[in-house]
Amino acid sequence: MKKTLSELLKEIRIRKNLTVRQAAQLVGVCYSTYCGLENGKTPSYITIKKISVYMGITEEELRGKIK
């Protein structure tokens, strides 16, 4: 089954032993934005770019994860 963006973000953050605050800082978004992403909020285009760099995947791959 395909994972949602929120599931993937949380999984990667936990795998890297990061807090939500640390992950938000690495992605380059504020804490509340990152919390929203892990809870299913749809990211903006700029946030997608930032997350793709953090995750090491292309924006196209990342867009495939968004419901």
Protein backbone atom coordinates (compact mmCIF):
# COMPACT_ATOMS: atom_id res chain seq x y z
CA MET A 1 0.00 0.00 0.00
CA LYS A 2 1.25 3.46 -0.93
CA LYS A 3 2.14 5.69 2.02
CA THR A 4 0.79 9.18 2.36
CA LEU A 5 3.13 12.14 2.60
CA SER A 6 2.34 12.54 6.30
CA GLU A 7 3.15 8.88 7.00
CA LEU A 8 6.38 9.11 5.04
CA LEU A 9 7.52 12.31 6.78
CA LYS A 10 6.89 10.85 10.21
CA GLU A 11 8.61 7.58 9.33
CA ILE A 12 11.73 9.33 8.03
CA ARG A 13 11.84 11.72 11.01
CA ILE A 14 11.64 8.83 13.47
CA ARG A 15 14.21 6.80 11.53
CA LYS A 16 16.61 9.76 11.74
CA ASN A 17 15.90 10.13 15.48
CA LEU A 18 14.69 13.71 15.07
CA THR A 19 12.10 15.65 16.98
CA VAL A 20 9.41 17.48 15.02
CA ARG A 21 11.18 20.74 15.78
CA GLN A 22 14.52 19.41 14.48
CA ALA A 23 12.92 18.04 11.30
CA ALA A 24 11.16 21.35 10.69
CA GLN A 25 14.46 23.17 11.02
CA LEU A 26 16.19 20.78 8.59
CA VAL A 27 13.37 21.12 6.04
CA GLY A 28 13.37 24.89 6.49
CA VAL A 29 9.79 25.39 7.63
CA CYS A 30 8.32 26.52 10.92
CA TYR A 31 7.35 24.01 13.58
CA SER A 32 3.61 24.46 13.08
CA THR A 33 3.92 23.93 9.32
CA TYR A 34 5.81 20.69 9.82
CA CYS A 35 3.29 19.50 12.41
CA GLY A 36 0.54 20.20 9.91
CA LEU A 37 2.34 18.20 7.23
CA GLU A 38 2.65 15.19 9.53
CA ASN A 39 -1.06 15.52 10.25
CA GLY A 40 -2.15 15.54 6.62
CA LYS A 41 -2.00 19.19 5.54
CA THR A 42 -1.16 19.63 1.84
CA PRO A 43 2.16 21.42 1.37
CA SER A 44 2.72 24.45 -0.84
CA TYR A 45 4.92 24.18 -3.93
CA ILE A 46 7.87 25.76 -2.09
CA THR A 47 7.45 23.38 0.84
CA ILE A 48 7.38 20.42 -1.57
CA LYS A 49 10.76 21.58 -2.92
CA LYS A 50 12.18 21.82 0.61
CA ILE A 51 10.85 18.41 1.63
CA SER A 52 12.22 16.76 -1.53
CA VAL A 53 15.72 17.99 -0.65
CA TYR A 54 15.33 16.77 2.95
CA MET A 55 14.11 13.35 1.83
CA GLY A 56 16.50 13.00 -1.08
CA ILE A 57 13.76 12.28 -3.62
CA THR A 58 12.47 14.18 -6.61
CA GLU A 59 9.53 16.56 -6.40
CA GLU A 60 7.63 14.30 -8.80
CA GLU A 61 8.10 11.30 -6.50
CA LEU A 62 6.98 13.41 -3.57
CA ARG A 63 3.89 14.69 -5.39
CA GLY A 64 2.92 11.04 -5.92
CA LYS A 65 2.68 10.70 -2.13
CA ILE A 66 0.21 13.57 -1.75
CA LYS A 67 -3.43 12.55 -1.69
